Amino acid sequence: MADLYLGSAAAVLRSNFADRSVNMVYADPPYGNRQRWTGEAGTFEDDWTWSDAAAHGWARLRDHNSAGADLLAIVARSENARAYLGTIAGILIEVRRVLVPTGTLWLQFDDTMGAELRILGDVVFGPEHQIGAVIWHRSSGRATRSSFARVHDTIACFGRTRVARWRLDRIGYRDFVHGEPITGLRVDGFTDVRLNATAAERVGYPTQKPIALVSQFIRCATLPGDVVLDPTCGSGTTLVAAEQLSRRAVGIDISEDALSAARARLMCPEPTQPDLFGLAA
């Protein structure tokens, strides 16, 4: 059974996790789009105001990389953005601390704050440790007269140190890993795994991701027995995927609803393949 923690991710990591104790982090935090997300299994607010967590995150970021923090402050275009980025910065600073030298962070976002999160990842991990990104075609959509359809997310990969590329190369899962570590290994690719409206794995939690999507990245970055952490685990998709692949799963969320949904999923076996036609019981 996965280890589950209730609370603010940065605070939980700071209090409960030793340095260099996690092999991979898959983080799918709220995207900063100022929406209220509601589902049968839970609700969360993606609207951000200044808080102790945001202030602490900015302070930690400045201690870690003052020039990078100043750059990020310039592009943070609103109070909501500053509060959001400060909170996520506090999480990523702790994520970097708990990752083993060969560990990787896989950070998911859409285009709402995507540019800022890429900068934040560079500031925390160093631009030389940005390994690449995968595009996820998450849904179909229609363009309007005023905008294109918003149908994709990005999953960016950052290594804890330069030997993270070597580990990805040695694991040898080649769906998204290209090249070789000496001359320039990169994570790059496209995936269109979908979670349709009647899929058996749906639990009614908003923004739930497909198990098959996250499984691809866990296979890329870890081996059986490795520790996989999701610091904003929501309904537990990362944890289910990790356990199905015989990894040690750890999840954190500030929402009791989220952890209840995750706990229920972890207690019941789930299909390992997406339910393409909604026929599973």
Protein backbone atom coordinates (compact mmCIF):
# COMPACT_ATOMS: atom_id res chain seq x y z
CA MET A 1 0.00 0.00 0.00
CA ALA A 2 1.28 3.45 -0.88
CA ASP A 3 2.29 5.90 1.82
CA LEU A 4 -0.15 8.83 1.91
CA TYR A 5 0.39 12.21 3.58
CA LEU A 6 -2.18 14.95 4.17
CA GLY A 7 -0.91 18.53 4.10
CA SER A 8 0.94 21.18 2.13
CA ALA A 9 3.45 19.38 -0.10
CA ALA A 10 6.45 21.57 0.73
CA ALA A 11 5.83 21.31 4.48
CA VAL A 12 5.26 17.54 4.35
CA LEU A 13 8.41 16.99 2.31
CA ARG A 14 10.43 19.21 4.64
CA SER A 15 9.27 17.34 7.75
CA ASN A 16 9.10 13.73 6.59
CA PHE A 17 11.55 13.06 3.75
CA ALA A 18 15.30 12.62 3.95
CA ASP A 19 17.71 13.97 1.36
CA ARG A 20 18.20 11.70 -1.66
CA SER A 21 15.37 9.32 -0.76
CA VAL A 22 13.19 9.36 -3.92
CA ASN A 23 13.98 8.02 -7.39
CA MET A 24 11.31 9.81 -9.41
CA VAL A 25 8.77 12.58 -8.90
CA TYR A 26 5.70 12.93 -11.10
CA ALA A 27 4.04 16.26 -10.31
CA ASP A 28 0.70 17.24 -11.79
CA PRO A 29 -0.14 20.33 -9.69
CA PRO A 30 -3.03 22.70 -10.32
CA TYR A 31 -2.27 24.76 -13.43
CA GLY A 32 -3.02 28.25 -12.06
CA ASN A 33 -6.03 28.77 -14.32
CA ARG A 34 -8.21 30.31 -11.57
CA GLN A 35 -11.00 27.75 -11.91
CA ARG A 36 -13.02 25.80 -9.37
CA TRP A 37 -12.93 22.10 -10.27
CA THR A 38 -15.79 19.94 -9.07
CA GLY A 39 -16.45 16.22 -9.31
CA GLU A 40 -18.30 13.48 -7.46
CA ALA A 41 -15.16 12.45 -5.59
CA GLY A 42 -13.90 15.91 -4.67
CA THR A 43 -13.49 19.60 -5.38
CA PHE A 44 -10.51 21.93 -5.45
CA GLU A 45 -9.82 25.60 -6.10
CA ASP A 46 -7.16 26.58 -8.63
CA ASP A 47 -7.18 30.23 -7.54
CA TRP A 48 -4.23 31.61 -5.63
CA THR A 49 -3.77 34.39 -3.08
CA TRP A 50 -0.68 35.39 -1.16
CA SER A 51 0.04 32.98 1.69
CA ASP A 52 2.79 31.85 4.05
CA ALA A 53 3.52 28.97 1.65
CA ALA A 54 3.98 31.40 -1.26
CA ALA A 55 6.21 33.74 0.77
CA HIS A 56 8.30 30.82 2.04
CA GLY A 57 8.65 29.46 -1.50
CA TRP A 58 9.94 32.75 -2.85
CA ALA A 59 12.37 33.06 0.06
CA ARG A 60 13.73 29.56 -0.54
CA LEU A 61 14.01 30.25 -4.27
CA ARG A 62 16.02 33.42 -3.66
CA ASP A 63 18.35 31.58 -1.30
CA HIS A 64 18.82 28.87 -3.93
CA ASN A 65 19.22 31.10 -7.02
CA SER A 66 18.74 34.82 -6.48
CA ALA A 67 19.23 35.84 -10.12
CA GLY A 68 16.79 33.20 -11.30
CA ALA A 69 14.23 34.25 -8.69
CA ASP A 70 14.51 37.87 -9.85
CA LEU A 71 13.90 36.78 -13.44
CA LEU A 72 10.86 34.76 -12.45
CA ALA A 73 9.50 37.68 -10.44
CA ILE A 74 9.62 39.83 -13.57
CA VAL A 75 7.53 37.42 -15.62
CA ALA A 76 5.04 36.75 -12.80
CA ARG A 77 2.44 39.12 -14.20
CA SER A 78 -0.16 39.26 -11.42
CA GLU A 79 -0.65 38.70 -7.71
CA ASN A 80 -2.31 35.37 -8.52
CA ALA A 81 0.73 34.32 -10.59
CA ARG A 82 3.18 35.37 -7.87
CA ALA A 83 1.24 33.43 -5.24
CA TYR A 84 1.01 30.37 -7.50
CA LEU A 85 4.67 30.38 -8.50
CA GLY A 86 5.83 30.91 -4.93
CA THR A 87 3.83 27.91 -3.76
CA ILE A 88 5.08 25.66 -6.58
CA ALA A 89 8.65 26.93 -6.04
CA GLY A 90 8.51 25.77 -2.42
CA ILE A 91 7.48 22.30 -3.60
CA LEU A 92 10.14 22.04 -6.32
CA ILE A 93 12.93 23.15 -3.98
CA GLU A 94 12.01 20.25 -1.69
CA VAL A 95 11.59 17.87 -4.64
CA ARG A 96 15.13 18.61 -5.76
CA ARG A 97 16.41 17.93 -2.24
CA VAL A 98 14.72 14.53 -1.89
CA LEU A 99 15.66 13.22 -5.36
CA VAL A 100 18.61 10.85 -5.65
CA PRO A 101 21.41 12.06 -7.97
CA THR A 102 20.05 9.87 -10.79
CA GLY A 103 16.46 10.97 -10.10
CA THR A 104 14.12 12.89 -12.39
CA LEU A 105 11.19 15.25 -12.02
CA TRP A 106 8.33 14.96 -14.53
CA LEU A 107 6.29 18.16 -14.29
CA GLN A 108 2.93 18.41 -16.04
CA PHE A 109 1.26 21.70 -17.06
CA ASP A 110 -0.85 23.34 -19.74
CA ASP A 111 -0.26 26.68 -21.44
CA THR A 112 -1.80 28.76 -18.62
CA MET A 113 1.48 29.03 -16.68
CA GLY A 114 3.60 26.74 -18.80
CA ALA A 115 6.25 29.29 -19.74
CA GLU A 116 6.68 30.37 -16.13
CA LEU A 117 6.92 26.78 -14.90
CA ARG A 118 9.64 26.01 -17.44
CA ILE A 119 11.61 28.98 -16.12
CA LEU A 120 10.98 27.84 -12.54
CA GLY A 121 12.25 24.36 -13.39
CA ASP A 122 15.42 25.88 -14.88
CA VAL A 123 15.91 28.10 -11.84
CA VAL A 124 15.55 25.20 -9.39
CA PHE A 125 17.36 22.43 -11.30
CA GLY A 126 19.60 24.43 -13.64
CA PRO A 127 18.99 24.77 -17.39
CA GLU A 128 21.67 22.17 -18.07
CA HIS A 129 19.50 19.63 -16.27
CA GLN A 130 16.40 20.18 -18.39
CA ILE A 131 16.21 16.91 -20.30
CA GLY A 132 13.22 17.57 -22.56
CA ALA A 133 9.45 17.27 -22.73
CA VAL A 134 6.59 15.11 -24.00
CA ILE A 135 3.36 16.49 -25.47
CA TRP A 136 0.17 14.78 -24.33
CA HIS A 137 -2.81 15.13 -26.69
CA ARG A 138 -5.39 14.86 -23.93
CA SER A 139 -8.66 15.64 -25.72
CA SER A 140 -10.33 16.63 -28.94
CA GLY A 141 -11.58 20.17 -29.31
CA ARG A 142 -12.83 22.74 -31.74
CA ALA A 143 -11.33 26.08 -32.56
CA THR A 144 -13.55 29.14 -32.39
CA ARG A 145 -13.33 32.49 -34.14
CA SER A 146 -11.46 33.90 -31.17
CA SER A 147 -9.16 31.02 -30.16
CA PHE A 148 -7.65 27.69 -31.09
CA ALA A 149 -8.79 24.57 -29.26
CA ARG A 150 -6.83 23.80 -26.08
CA VAL A 151 -6.21 20.07 -26.36
CA HIS A 152 -2.74 19.31 -25.01
CA ASP A 153 -0.58 19.31 -21.88
CA THR A 154 3.20 19.23 -21.59
CA ILE A 155 5.23 16.96 -19.31
CA ALA A 156 8.70 18.45 -18.85
CA CYS A 157 11.58 16.36 -17.52
CA PHE A 158 14.36 17.67 -15.26
CA GLY A 159 17.30 15.65 -13.91
CA ARG A 160 18.66 16.06 -10.39
CA THR A 161 22.23 15.88 -11.73
CA ARG A 162 23.88 15.12 -15.06
CA VAL A 163 23.92 11.40 -14.27
CA ALA A 164 20.12 11.35 -14.51
CA ARG A 165 20.53 11.13 -18.30
CA TRP A 166 22.80 8.12 -17.83
CA ARG A 167 20.11 6.40 -15.73
CA LEU A 168 17.44 7.02 -18.36
CA ASP A 169 19.78 5.56 -20.96
CA ARG A 170 20.53 2.48 -18.86
CA ILE A 171 16.87 1.75 -18.14
CA GLY A 172 16.38 1.62 -21.88
CA TYR A 173 12.65 2.36 -22.21
CA ARG A 174 12.80 4.12 -25.56
CA ASP A 175 9.33 5.50 -26.22
CA PHE A 176 10.50 9.00 -25.25
CA VAL A 177 14.25 8.66 -24.59
CA HIS A 178 16.47 9.50 -27.57
CA GLY A 179 20.21 9.72 -28.07
CA GLU A 180 22.87 8.70 -25.58
CA PRO A 181 24.08 10.41 -22.40
CA ILE A 182 27.55 11.51 -23.52
CA THR A 183 26.57 13.34 -26.70
CA GLY A 184 23.12 14.49 -25.68
CA LEU A 185 20.28 12.28 -24.51
CA ARG A 186 16.86 13.91 -24.68
CA VAL A 187 13.32 13.17 -23.60
CA ASP A 188 11.07 14.01 -26.54
CA GLY A 189 7.83 12.69 -27.95
CA PHE A 190 4.07 12.72 -28.31
CA THR A 191 1.38 10.59 -26.69
CA ASP A 192 -2.39 10.55 -27.13
CA VAL A 193 -3.55 8.18 -24.40
CA ARG A 194 -7.11 9.23 -23.51
CA LEU A 195 -9.37 8.80 -20.51
CA ASN A 196 -12.81 8.63 -22.06
CA ALA A 197 -15.99 9.57 -20.22
CA THR A 198 -17.01 5.97 -19.46
CA ALA A 199 -13.57 4.49 -18.66
CA ALA A 200 -13.67 2.01 -15.78
CA GLU A 201 -10.82 3.76 -13.97
CA ARG A 202 -12.71 7.04 -13.60
CA VAL A 203 -13.52 7.85 -9.96
CA GLY A 204 -15.22 11.22 -10.37
CA TYR A 205 -12.24 13.35 -9.33
CA PRO A 206 -11.73 16.45 -11.50
CA THR A 207 -8.67 16.57 -13.79
CA GLN A 208 -8.01 12.83 -13.28
CA LYS A 209 -5.29 11.52 -15.62
CA PRO A 210 -5.11 8.08 -17.31
CA ILE A 211 -3.07 5.39 -15.58
CA ALA A 212 -1.59 4.41 -18.95
CA LEU A 213 -0.22 7.95 -19.43
CA VAL A 214 1.70 8.08 -16.17
CA SER A 215 2.85 4.47 -16.51
CA GLN A 216 4.84 5.42 -19.61
CA PHE A 217 6.96 7.89 -17.66
CA ILE A 218 7.43 5.60 -14.67
CA ARG A 219 8.79 2.93 -17.04
CA CYS A 220 11.15 5.53 -18.55
CA ALA A 221 12.63 6.66 -15.26
CA THR A 222 12.50 3.84 -12.71
CA LEU A 223 13.00 0.14 -12.05
CA PRO A 224 10.96 -2.19 -9.82
CA GLY A 225 11.48 -1.31 -6.16
CA ASP A 226 12.26 2.36 -6.83
CA VAL A 227 10.40 5.10 -4.93
CA VAL A 228 7.94 7.18 -6.98
CA LEU A 229 6.56 10.34 -5.35
CA ASP A 230 3.59 12.48 -6.37
CA PRO A 231 3.55 15.64 -4.21
CA THR A 232 0.11 16.74 -5.44
CA CYS A 233 -1.40 13.30 -5.94
CA GLY A 234 -5.11 14.13 -6.36
CA SER A 235 -7.08 10.91 -6.81
CA GLY A 236 -3.90 8.81 -6.88
CA THR A 237 -3.31 7.97 -10.55
CA THR A 238 0.49 8.10 -10.15
CA LEU A 239 0.29 5.89 -7.08
CA VAL A 240 -1.88 3.28 -8.80
CA ALA A 241 0.44 3.24 -11.82
CA ALA A 242 3.52 2.90 -9.60
CA GLU A 243 2.07 0.01 -7.61
CA GLN A 244 0.98 -1.81 -10.77
CA LEU A 245 4.59 -1.58 -11.94
CA SER A 246 6.00 -2.82 -8.59
CA ARG A 247 7.38 0.54 -7.52
CA ARG A 248 7.08 2.02 -4.02
CA ALA A 249 4.45 4.77 -4.20
CA VAL A 250 4.24 7.89 -2.03
CA GLY A 251 1.53 10.54 -2.34
CA ILE A 252 0.87 13.93 -0.75
CA ASP A 253 -2.18 16.14 -1.08
CA ILE A 254 -3.68 19.03 0.86
CA SER A 255 -7.23 17.76 0.21
CA GLU A 256 -8.86 15.10 2.37
CA ASP A 257 -11.22 14.34 -0.54
CA ALA A 258 -8.25 13.61 -2.78
CA LEU A 259 -6.61 11.25 -0.31
CA SER A 260 -9.91 9.46 0.30
CA ALA A 261 -10.27 8.88 -3.44
CA ALA A 262 -6.64 7.76 -3.72
CA ARG A 263 -6.96 5.40 -0.76
CA ALA A 264 -10.10 3.81 -2.20
CA ARG A 265 -8.41 3.25 -5.57
CA LEU A 266 -5.34 1.70 -3.98
CA MET A 267 -7.48 -0.80 -2.07
CA CYS A 268 -9.22 -2.06 -5.23
CA PRO A 269 -7.48 -3.52 -8.32
CA GLU A 270 -7.86 -1.40 -11.45
CA PRO A 271 -7.48 -2.25 -15.14
CA THR A 272 -3.92 -1.78 -16.39
CA GLN A 273 -5.06 -0.87 -19.92
CA PRO A 274 -7.31 2.06 -20.87
CA ASP A 275 -10.95 1.07 -21.36
CA LEU A 276 -11.21 2.18 -24.99
CA PHE A 277 -14.90 1.45 -25.43
CA GLY A 278 -16.26 1.92 -21.91
CA LEU A 279 -17.22 -1.74 -21.64
CA ALA A 280 -15.50 -2.67 -18.39
CA ALA A 281 -17.71 -3.30 -15.39
